[in-house]
C-alpha atoms as a PDB file:
ATOM      1  CA  MET A   1      -5.848 -13.680   3.403  1.00  0.00           C
ATOM      2  CA  ASP A   2      -2.150 -14.071   2.890  1.00  0.00           C
ATOM      3  CA  LEU A   3      -0.338 -10.778   2.883  1.00  0.00           C
ATOM      4  CA  SER A   4       3.049 -12.261   3.574  1.00  0.00           C
ATOM      5  CA  LEU A   5       5.995 -10.611   1.764  1.00  0.00           C
ATOM      6  CA  ASP A   6       8.761 -12.649   3.437  1.00  0.00           C
ATOM      7  CA  GLY A   7      12.071 -12.315   1.663  1.00  0.00           C
ATOM      8  CA  GLN A   8      10.882  -9.615  -0.686  1.00  0.00           C
ATOM      9  CA  THR A   9      12.620  -6.211  -0.973  1.00  0.00           C
ATOM     10  CA  ALA A  10      10.684  -2.978  -1.222  1.00  0.00           C
ATOM     11  CA  ILE A  11      11.874   0.589  -1.848  1.00  0.00           C
ATOM     12  CA  VAL A  12       9.589   3.340  -0.511  1.00  0.00           C
ATOM     13  CA  THR A  13      10.269   6.901  -1.593  1.00  0.00           C
ATOM     14  CA  GLY A  14       9.084   9.745   0.638  1.00  0.00           C
ATOM     15  CA  ALA A  15       9.345   7.297   3.558  1.00  0.00           C
ATOM     16  CA  SER A  16      10.060   9.811   6.279  1.00  0.00           C
ATOM     17  CA  ALA A  17       6.434  10.631   7.185  1.00  0.00           C
ATOM     18  CA  GLY A  18       2.789  10.107   6.388  1.00  0.00           C
ATOM     19  CA  ILE A  19       1.768   7.511   3.836  1.00  0.00           C
ATOM     20  CA  GLY A  20       5.420   6.616   3.078  1.00  0.00           C
ATOM     21  CA  ALA A  21       6.262   5.867   6.757  1.00  0.00           C
ATOM     22  CA  GLU A  22       3.127   3.939   7.323  1.00  0.00           C
ATOM     23  CA  THR A  23       3.701   1.965   4.217  1.00  0.00           C
ATOM     24  CA  ALA A  24       7.234   1.062   5.388  1.00  0.00           C
ATOM     25  CA  ARG A  25       5.844  -0.034   8.709  1.00  0.00           C
ATOM     26  CA  GLN A  26       3.244  -2.358   7.102  1.00  0.00           C
ATOM     27  CA  LEU A  27       5.686  -3.804   4.504  1.00  0.00           C
ATOM     28  CA  ALA A  28       8.045  -4.536   7.318  1.00  0.00           C
ATOM     29  CA  ALA A  29       5.344  -6.141   9.391  1.00  0.00           C
ATOM     30  CA  ALA A  30       4.460  -8.312   6.365  1.00  0.00           C
ATOM     31  CA  GLY A  31       8.069  -9.660   6.306  1.00  0.00           C
ATOM     32  CA  ALA A  32       9.721  -7.541   3.559  1.00  0.00           C
ATOM     33  CA  ASN A  33      13.061  -5.972   3.613  1.00  0.00           C
ATOM     34  CA  VAL A  34      12.365  -2.156   3.403  1.00  0.00           C
ATOM     35  CA  VAL A  35      14.552   0.488   1.885  1.00  0.00           C
ATOM     36  CA  LEU A  36      13.729   3.858   3.290  1.00  0.00           C
ATOM     37  CA  ALA A  37      14.257   6.819   0.889  1.00  0.00           C
ATOM     38  CA  ALA A  38      13.677  10.484   1.690  1.00  0.00           C
ATOM     39  CA  ARG A  39      15.671  13.690   2.275  1.00  0.00           C
ATOM     40  CA  SER A  40      15.359  13.633   6.055  1.00  0.00           C
ATOM     41  CA  GLU A  41      17.996  11.235   7.246  1.00  0.00           C
ATOM     42  CA  ASP A  42      17.245  11.691  10.921  1.00  0.00           C
ATOM     43  CA  ARG A  43      13.543  10.717  10.389  1.00  0.00           C
ATOM     44  CA  LEU A  44      14.578   7.724   8.409  1.00  0.00           C
ATOM     45  CA  GLU A  45      17.032   6.543  11.073  1.00  0.00           C
ATOM     46  CA  ASP A  46      14.340   6.785  13.669  1.00  0.00           C
ATOM     47  CA  LEU A  47      11.902   4.818  11.542  1.00  0.00           C
ATOM     48  CA  ALA A  48      14.572   2.202  10.761  1.00  0.00           C
ATOM     49  CA  SER A  49      15.094   1.726  14.551  1.00  0.00           C
ATOM     50  CA  GLU A  50      11.378   1.315  15.005  1.00  0.00           C
ATOM     51  CA  LEU A  51      11.218  -1.373  12.198  1.00  0.00           C
ATOM     52  CA  SER A  52      14.117  -3.396  13.665  1.00  0.00           C
ATOM     53  CA  THR A  53      11.689  -5.389  15.648  1.00  0.00           C
ATOM     54  CA  HIS A  54      10.479  -7.157  12.474  1.00  0.00           C
ATOM     55  CA  ASP A  55      12.254 -10.076  10.840  1.00  0.00           C
ATOM     56  CA  GLY A  56      13.083  -8.228   7.649  1.00  0.00           C
ATOM     57  CA  GLU A  57      16.032  -5.857   7.329  1.00  0.00           C
ATOM     58  CA  THR A  58      15.869  -2.162   6.849  1.00  0.00           C
ATOM     59  CA  LEU A  59      18.157   0.082   4.791  1.00  0.00           C
ATOM     60  CA  VAL A  60      18.326   3.863   5.058  1.00  0.00           C
ATOM     61  CA  VAL A  61      19.329   5.704   1.813  1.00  0.00           C
ATOM     62  CA  PRO A  62      18.802   9.472   2.074  1.00  0.00           C
ATOM     63  CA  THR A  63      17.516  10.399  -1.396  1.00  0.00           C
ATOM     64  CA  ASN A  64      16.313  13.490  -3.106  1.00  0.00           C
ATOM     65  CA  VAL A  65      14.187  12.047  -5.996  1.00  0.00           C
ATOM     66  CA  ARG A  66      14.685  15.285  -7.918  1.00  0.00           C
ATOM     67  CA  ASP A  67      18.415  14.199  -8.257  1.00  0.00           C
ATOM     68  CA  GLU A  68      18.698  11.651 -11.040  1.00  0.00           C
ATOM     69  CA  SER A  69      22.077  10.385  -9.881  1.00  0.00           C
ATOM     70  CA  ALA A  70      20.774   9.997  -6.226  1.00  0.00           C
ATOM     71  CA  VAL A  71      17.847   7.872  -7.436  1.00  0.00           C
ATOM     72  CA  ASP A  72      20.235   5.679  -9.484  1.00  0.00           C
ATOM     73  CA  ALA A  73      22.427   5.330  -6.369  1.00  0.00           C
ATOM     74  CA  LEU A  74      19.356   4.367  -4.291  1.00  0.00           C
ATOM     75  CA  VAL A  75      18.548   1.561  -6.728  1.00  0.00           C
ATOM     76  CA  ASP A  76      22.211   0.406  -6.982  1.00  0.00           C
ATOM     77  CA  GLU A  77      22.710   0.276  -3.157  1.00  0.00           C
ATOM     78  CA  THR A  78      19.394  -1.669  -2.800  1.00  0.00           C
ATOM     79  CA  VAL A  79      20.483  -4.293  -5.365  1.00  0.00           C
ATOM     80  CA  GLU A  80      24.013  -4.544  -3.924  1.00  0.00           C
ATOM     81  CA  THR A  81      22.530  -5.015  -0.363  1.00  0.00           C
ATOM     82  CA  PHE A  82      19.556  -7.354  -1.107  1.00  0.00           C
ATOM     83  CA  GLY A  83      20.336  -8.784  -4.462  1.00  0.00           C
ATOM     84  CA  GLY A  84      17.346  -7.297  -6.196  1.00  0.00           C
ATOM     85  CA  ILE A  85      14.025  -5.371  -5.953  1.00  0.00           C
ATOM     86  CA  ASP A  86      10.565  -6.804  -5.722  1.00  0.00           C
ATOM     87  CA  ILE A  87       8.530  -3.639  -5.017  1.00  0.00           C
ATOM     88  CA  LEU A  88       8.849   0.037  -5.727  1.00  0.00           C
ATOM     89  CA  VAL A  89       6.475   2.426  -4.064  1.00  0.00           C
ATOM     90  CA  ASN A  90       6.618   5.845  -5.780  1.00  0.00           C
ATOM     91  CA  ASN A  91       5.260   7.825  -2.946  1.00  0.00           C
ATOM     92  CA  ALA A  92       7.431  11.009  -2.781  1.00  0.00           C
ATOM     93  CA  GLY A  93       5.483  14.029  -3.768  1.00  0.00           C
ATOM     94  CA  LEU A  94       4.614  17.538  -2.751  1.00  0.00           C
ATOM     95  CA  SER A  95       2.271  20.432  -3.468  1.00  0.00           C
ATOM     96  CA  ARG A  96       3.137  24.119  -3.790  1.00  0.00           C
ATOM     97  CA  GLY A  97       1.078  27.224  -4.648  1.00  0.00           C
ATOM     98  CA  SER A  98      -2.428  27.412  -6.102  1.00  0.00           C
ATOM     99  CA  GLU A  99      -3.410  29.914  -8.613  1.00  0.00           C
ATOM    100  CA  VAL A 100      -1.624  29.579 -11.965  1.00  0.00           C
ATOM    101  CA  ALA A 101      -1.314  33.357 -12.345  1.00  0.00           C
ATOM    102  CA  GLU A 102       0.466  33.569  -8.949  1.00  0.00           C
ATOM    103  CA  ILE A 103       2.625  30.445  -8.790  1.00  0.00           C
ATOM    104  CA  SER A 104       6.377  31.107  -9.267  1.00  0.00           C
ATOM    105  CA  THR A 105       8.497  29.325 -11.777  1.00  0.00           C
ATOM    106  CA  GLU A 106      10.586  27.944  -8.894  1.00  0.00           C
ATOM    107  CA  GLU A 107       7.449  26.398  -7.280  1.00  0.00           C
ATOM    108  CA  TYR A 108       6.329  25.036 -10.639  1.00  0.00           C
ATOM    109  CA  LYS A 109       9.705  23.416 -11.323  1.00  0.00           C
ATOM    110  CA  THR A 110       9.833  21.943  -7.769  1.00  0.00           C
ATOM    111  CA  ILE A 111       6.475  20.202  -8.295  1.00  0.00           C
ATOM    112  CA  GLN A 112       7.405  18.914 -11.683  1.00  0.00           C
ATOM    113  CA  GLU A 113      10.835  17.769 -10.609  1.00  0.00           C
ATOM    114  CA  THR A 114       9.511  15.956  -7.574  1.00  0.00           C
ATOM    115  CA  ASN A 115       6.129  14.523  -8.702  1.00  0.00           C
ATOM    116  CA  VAL A 116       7.088  13.795 -12.385  1.00  0.00           C
ATOM    117  CA  ASP A 117      10.835  13.635 -12.731  1.00  0.00           C
ATOM    118  CA  GLY A 118      11.360  11.783  -9.583  1.00  0.00           C
ATOM    119  CA  VAL A 119       8.776   9.156 -10.375  1.00  0.00           C
ATOM    120  CA  PHE A 120      10.255   8.690 -13.864  1.00  0.00           C
ATOM    121  CA  TYR A 121      13.864   8.351 -12.504  1.00  0.00           C
ATOM    122  CA  ALA A 122      12.883   5.762  -9.893  1.00  0.00           C
ATOM    123  CA  THR A 123      10.670   3.696 -12.130  1.00  0.00           C
ATOM    124  CA  ARG A 124      13.329   3.683 -15.031  1.00  0.00           C
ATOM    125  CA  ALA A 125      16.025   2.562 -12.617  1.00  0.00           C
ATOM    126  CA  ALA A 126      13.907  -0.080 -10.909  1.00  0.00           C
ATOM    127  CA  ILE A 127      12.130  -1.712 -13.920  1.00  0.00           C
ATOM    128  CA  PRO A 128      14.881  -4.175 -14.938  1.00  0.00           C
ATOM    129  CA  HIS A 129      15.264  -5.428 -11.313  1.00  0.00           C
ATOM    130  CA  VAL A 130      11.476  -5.628 -10.611  1.00  0.00           C
ATOM    131  CA  SER A 131      10.950  -7.405 -13.868  1.00  0.00           C
ATOM    132  CA  GLU A 132      13.553 -10.066 -12.914  1.00  0.00           C
ATOM    133  CA  ARG A 133      11.479 -10.883  -9.923  1.00  0.00           C
ATOM    134  CA  GLU A 134       7.996 -10.409 -11.438  1.00  0.00           C
ATOM    135  CA  GLY A 135       7.390  -7.815  -8.741  1.00  0.00           C
ATOM    136  CA  HIS A 136       5.288  -4.660  -8.387  1.00  0.00           C
ATOM    137  CA  LEU A 137       5.389  -1.051  -9.206  1.00  0.00           C
ATOM    138  CA  VAL A 138       3.160   1.260  -7.153  1.00  0.00           C
ATOM    139  CA  PHE A 139       2.306   4.831  -8.043  1.00  0.00           C
ATOM    140  CA  LEU A 140       0.761   7.327  -5.642  1.00  0.00           C
ATOM    141  CA  GLY A 141      -1.774   9.190  -7.663  1.00  0.00           C
ATOM    142  CA  SER A 142      -4.600  11.332  -6.251  1.00  0.00           C
ATOM    143  CA  PHE A 143      -8.238  12.201  -6.460  1.00  0.00           C
ATOM    144  CA  ALA A 144      -6.708  15.403  -7.974  1.00  0.00           C
ATOM    145  CA  GLY A 145      -5.376  13.325 -10.898  1.00  0.00           C
ATOM    146  CA  GLN A 146      -8.802  11.988 -11.756  1.00  0.00           C
ATOM    147  CA  TYR A 147     -11.140  14.977 -11.871  1.00  0.00           C
ATOM    148  CA  PRO A 148     -10.830  18.488 -13.102  1.00  0.00           C
ATOM    149  CA  ARG A 149     -10.503  21.075 -10.317  1.00  0.00           C
ATOM    150  CA  SER A 150     -10.332  24.822  -9.912  1.00  0.00           C
ATOM    151  CA  PHE A 151      -7.480  24.888  -7.435  1.00  0.00           C
ATOM    152  CA  ASN A 152      -3.878  23.703  -7.238  1.00  0.00           C
ATOM    153  CA  PRO A 153      -3.892  22.737 -11.003  1.00  0.00           C
ATOM    154  CA  VAL A 154      -0.071  22.261 -11.262  1.00  0.00           C
ATOM    155  CA  TYR A 155      -0.147  19.632  -8.631  1.00  0.00           C
ATOM    156  CA  ALA A 156      -3.344  18.154 -10.184  1.00  0.00           C
ATOM    157  CA  ALA A 157      -1.583  17.962 -13.580  1.00  0.00           C
ATOM    158  CA  SER A 158       1.402  16.085 -12.093  1.00  0.00           C
ATOM    159  CA  LYS A 159      -0.973  13.458 -10.741  1.00  0.00           C
ATOM    160  CA  TRP A 160      -2.797  13.175 -14.028  1.00  0.00           C
ATOM    161  CA  TRP A 161       0.712  12.544 -15.582  1.00  0.00           C
ATOM    162  CA  THR A 162       1.401   9.913 -12.886  1.00  0.00           C
ATOM    163  CA  ARG A 163      -1.724   7.929 -13.739  1.00  0.00           C
ATOM    164  CA  GLY A 164      -1.046   8.109 -17.495  1.00  0.00           C
ATOM    165  CA  PHE A 165       2.625   7.160 -17.079  1.00  0.00           C
ATOM    166  CA  ALA A 166       1.724   4.188 -14.751  1.00  0.00           C
ATOM    167  CA  LYS A 167      -0.851   2.740 -17.139  1.00  0.00           C
ATOM    168  CA  SER A 168       1.461   3.117 -20.098  1.00  0.00           C
ATOM    169  CA  VAL A 169       4.241   1.469 -18.106  1.00  0.00           C
ATOM    170  CA  ALA A 170       1.833  -1.348 -17.297  1.00  0.00           C
ATOM    171  CA  ALA A 171       1.355  -1.952 -21.048  1.00  0.00           C
ATOM    172  CA  GLN A 172       5.138  -2.323 -21.425  1.00  0.00           C
ATOM    173  CA  VAL A 173       5.981  -4.593 -18.400  1.00  0.00           C
ATOM    174  CA  GLY A 174       2.823  -6.689 -18.206  1.00  0.00           C
ATOM    175  CA  ASP A 175       4.322  -9.415 -20.351  1.00  0.00           C
ATOM    176  CA  ASP A 176       7.225  -9.597 -17.891  1.00  0.00           C
ATOM    177  CA  GLY A 177       4.887 -10.495 -15.119  1.00  0.00           C
ATOM    178  CA  VAL A 178       5.146  -7.137 -13.333  1.00  0.00           C
ATOM    179  CA  GLY A 179       2.123  -5.760 -11.502  1.00  0.00           C
ATOM    180  CA  VAL A 180       1.323  -2.022 -11.682  1.00  0.00           C
ATOM    181  CA  THR A 181      -1.032  -0.285  -9.289  1.00  0.00           C
ATOM    182  CA  VAL A 182      -2.105   3.379  -8.994  1.00  0.00           C
ATOM    183  CA  ILE A 183      -3.254   4.344  -5.553  1.00  0.00           C
ATOM    184  CA  ASN A 184      -5.604   7.426  -5.629  1.00  0.00           C
ATOM    185  CA  PRO A 185      -6.131   8.857  -2.193  1.00  0.00           C
ATOM    186  CA  ALA A 186      -8.261  12.006  -1.575  1.00  0.00           C
ATOM    187  CA  GLU A 187      -7.432  13.934   1.611  1.00  0.00           C
ATOM    188  CA  VAL A 188      -5.130  12.040   4.041  1.00  0.00           C
ATOM    189  CA  ARG A 189      -4.517  13.210   7.656  1.00  0.00           C
ATOM    190  CA  SER A 190      -0.715  13.684   7.248  1.00  0.00           C
ATOM    191  CA  GLU A 191       1.930  16.494   6.992  1.00  0.00           C
ATOM    192  CA  PHE A 192       1.008  16.990   3.398  1.00  0.00           C
ATOM    193  CA  GLN A 193       0.158  20.658   2.813  1.00  0.00           C
ATOM    194  CA  ALA A 194      -3.252  22.009   1.801  1.00  0.00           C
ATOM    195  CA  THR A 195      -3.490  24.983  -0.497  1.00  0.00           C
ATOM    196  CA  ASP A 196      -3.635  27.399   2.407  1.00  0.00           C
ATOM    197  CA  GLY A 197      -0.226  26.149   3.838  1.00  0.00           C
ATOM    198  CA  ARG A 198      -1.794  24.137   6.704  1.00  0.00           C
ATOM    199  CA  THR A 199      -1.207  20.424   6.845  1.00  0.00           C
ATOM    200  CA  PHE A 200      -4.104  17.972   6.317  1.00  0.00           C
ATOM    201  CA  GLU A 201      -3.538  16.924   9.995  1.00  0.00           C
ATOM    202  CA  GLU A 202      -4.395  20.515  10.909  1.00  0.00           C
ATOM    203  CA  VAL A 203      -7.335  20.897   8.464  1.00  0.00           C
ATOM    204  CA  PHE A 204      -9.086  17.605   9.279  1.00  0.00           C
ATOM    205  CA  LYS A 205     -10.012  16.188  12.629  1.00  0.00           C
ATOM    206  CA  GLU A 206      -9.659  12.530  13.332  1.00  0.00           C
ATOM    207  CA  GLY A 207     -12.490  10.697  11.496  1.00  0.00           C
ATOM    208  CA  GLU A 208     -12.959  13.486   8.862  1.00  0.00           C
ATOM    209  CA  ALA A 209     -10.502  12.180   6.344  1.00  0.00           C
ATOM    210  CA  SER A 210      -8.522   9.077   5.551  1.00  0.00           C
ATOM    211  CA  GLU A 211      -5.579   8.066   7.699  1.00  0.00           C
ATOM    212  CA  PRO A 212      -2.116   7.037   6.278  1.00  0.00           C
ATOM    213  CA  HIS A 213      -2.547   3.558   7.536  1.00  0.00           C
ATOM    214  CA  GLU A 214      -5.564   3.035   5.318  1.00  0.00           C
ATOM    215  CA  VAL A 215      -3.598   3.934   2.260  1.00  0.00           C
ATOM    216  CA  ALA A 216      -0.659   1.741   3.357  1.00  0.00           C
ATOM    217  CA  GLU A 217      -3.043  -1.154   3.830  1.00  0.00           C
ATOM    218  CA  ALA A 218      -4.196  -0.738   0.229  1.00  0.00           C
ATOM    219  CA  ILE A 219      -0.628  -0.754  -1.038  1.00  0.00           C
ATOM    220  CA  VAL A 220       0.350  -3.914   0.834  1.00  0.00           C
ATOM    221  CA  PHE A 221      -2.791  -5.592  -0.449  1.00  0.00           C
ATOM    222  CA  ALA A 222      -1.898  -4.657  -3.980  1.00  0.00           C
ATOM    223  CA  VAL A 223       1.703  -5.874  -3.823  1.00  0.00           C
ATOM    224  CA  SER A 224       0.861  -9.100  -2.192  1.00  0.00           C
ATOM    225  CA  ARG A 225      -1.116 -10.296  -5.254  1.00  0.00           C
ATOM    226  CA  GLU A 226       0.973 -12.928  -6.925  1.00  0.00           C
ATOM    227  CA  ARG A 227      -0.495 -13.200 -10.418  1.00  0.00           C
ATOM    228  CA  SER A 228      -3.080 -10.325 -10.654  1.00  0.00           C
ATOM    229  CA  SER A 229      -2.587  -6.640 -10.934  1.00  0.00           C
ATOM    230  CA  LEU A 230      -4.898  -4.196  -9.217  1.00  0.00           C
ATOM    231  CA  SER A 231      -5.006  -1.432 -11.818  1.00  0.00           C
ATOM    232  CA  GLU A 232      -6.320   1.426  -9.531  1.00  0.00           C
ATOM    233  CA  ILE A 233      -7.517   1.777  -5.939  1.00  0.00           C
ATOM    234  CA  ASP A 234      -9.445   4.937  -4.967  1.00  0.00           C
ATOM    235  CA  ILE A 235      -9.567   5.890  -1.324  1.00  0.00           C
ATOM    236  CA  ASN A 236     -12.013   8.723  -0.513  1.00  0.00           C
ATOM    237  CA  ARG A 237     -13.717   9.874   2.630  1.00  0.00           C
ATOM    238  CA  ARG A 238     -17.350   8.725   2.394  1.00  0.00           C
ATOM    239  CA  ASP A 239     -18.731  12.135   1.666  1.00  0.00           C
ATOM    240  CA  LYS A 240     -16.230  13.096  -0.944  1.00  0.00           C
ATOM    241  CA  PHE A 241     -18.549  12.965  -3.987  1.00  0.00           C
ATOM    242  CA  ALA A 242     -21.425  14.626  -2.099  1.00  0.00           C
ATOM    243  CA  ASP A 243     -19.142  17.517  -1.429  1.00  0.00           C
ATOM    244  CA  ASN A 244     -17.624  17.760  -4.928  1.00  0.00           C
ATOM    245  CA  PHE A 245     -20.408  17.060  -7.473  1.00  0.00           C
END
C-alpha cells in the first residue's frame, strides 16, 4: 500500500507530545514536509532535530491555538516557506475539570478556546490553501464526542462540536476535492490528562489502551488517500464497549 506523501506539506497542531508528535514522525517518514505547532518551543525543536533524518523539511512555529493571530501567522509562515498546504491535522486539545457544578469559568473557557476556537481558527485559515492542492483536513475527535457520558461533559461537548463542524466543513469543501476525516480515539497512553489529574500513561499499563502510534498510523492512512475521503475512523481498545454498555 502506497503511503507516500513526498513533496506534500502538513501542519500538525499540538505536535509537542503524544498523538501530535507521533503523527509528525510518521508524516515525516512518509516524505512530507512537517510544520510543528504547539506552545512548547523546546519540545518542538527537539522533535525537529529528530525528524531531520528524513528527506522532507521541518518547520517549527510555536503556536497557541487559542490566539487567532498566532494561528493565522502559523498558516502564513507555512505558505511562505513551502508554497502551500496539503494537510492540516487539528490535534491540539485538552481536558479540564469534570463535574459541571464544580468546573470554574476559567477552566470552561480554556477548553472551549482550545478545543473549539482553535480548531475553527486553523481550519478557516487553512481551507483556501488546502483546497488549492485538493488536500486533507483531519480533526481529532474522541469516543467522548460520540456517546453520552456522565463525566467530563464540557470536554465531551467540545468533541461533539468537532465532529459536527468537520462533517459540515466536508459538505462545503467536497466539491473542491478536499478530503475530511475525523479520528475518534478512546483512551490513548499519552500525557493527556484523565479526570483525576493523572495522565493516561499513568492510568493504563502498556497493552491496556491504544498507543499514540496507532492513532498516527490511522491519520497517515487517511491523508494518503488520493480520491477518497475516510469520513470517520474509530480507535478503541478491544474491551471498550464491553466496559461501557
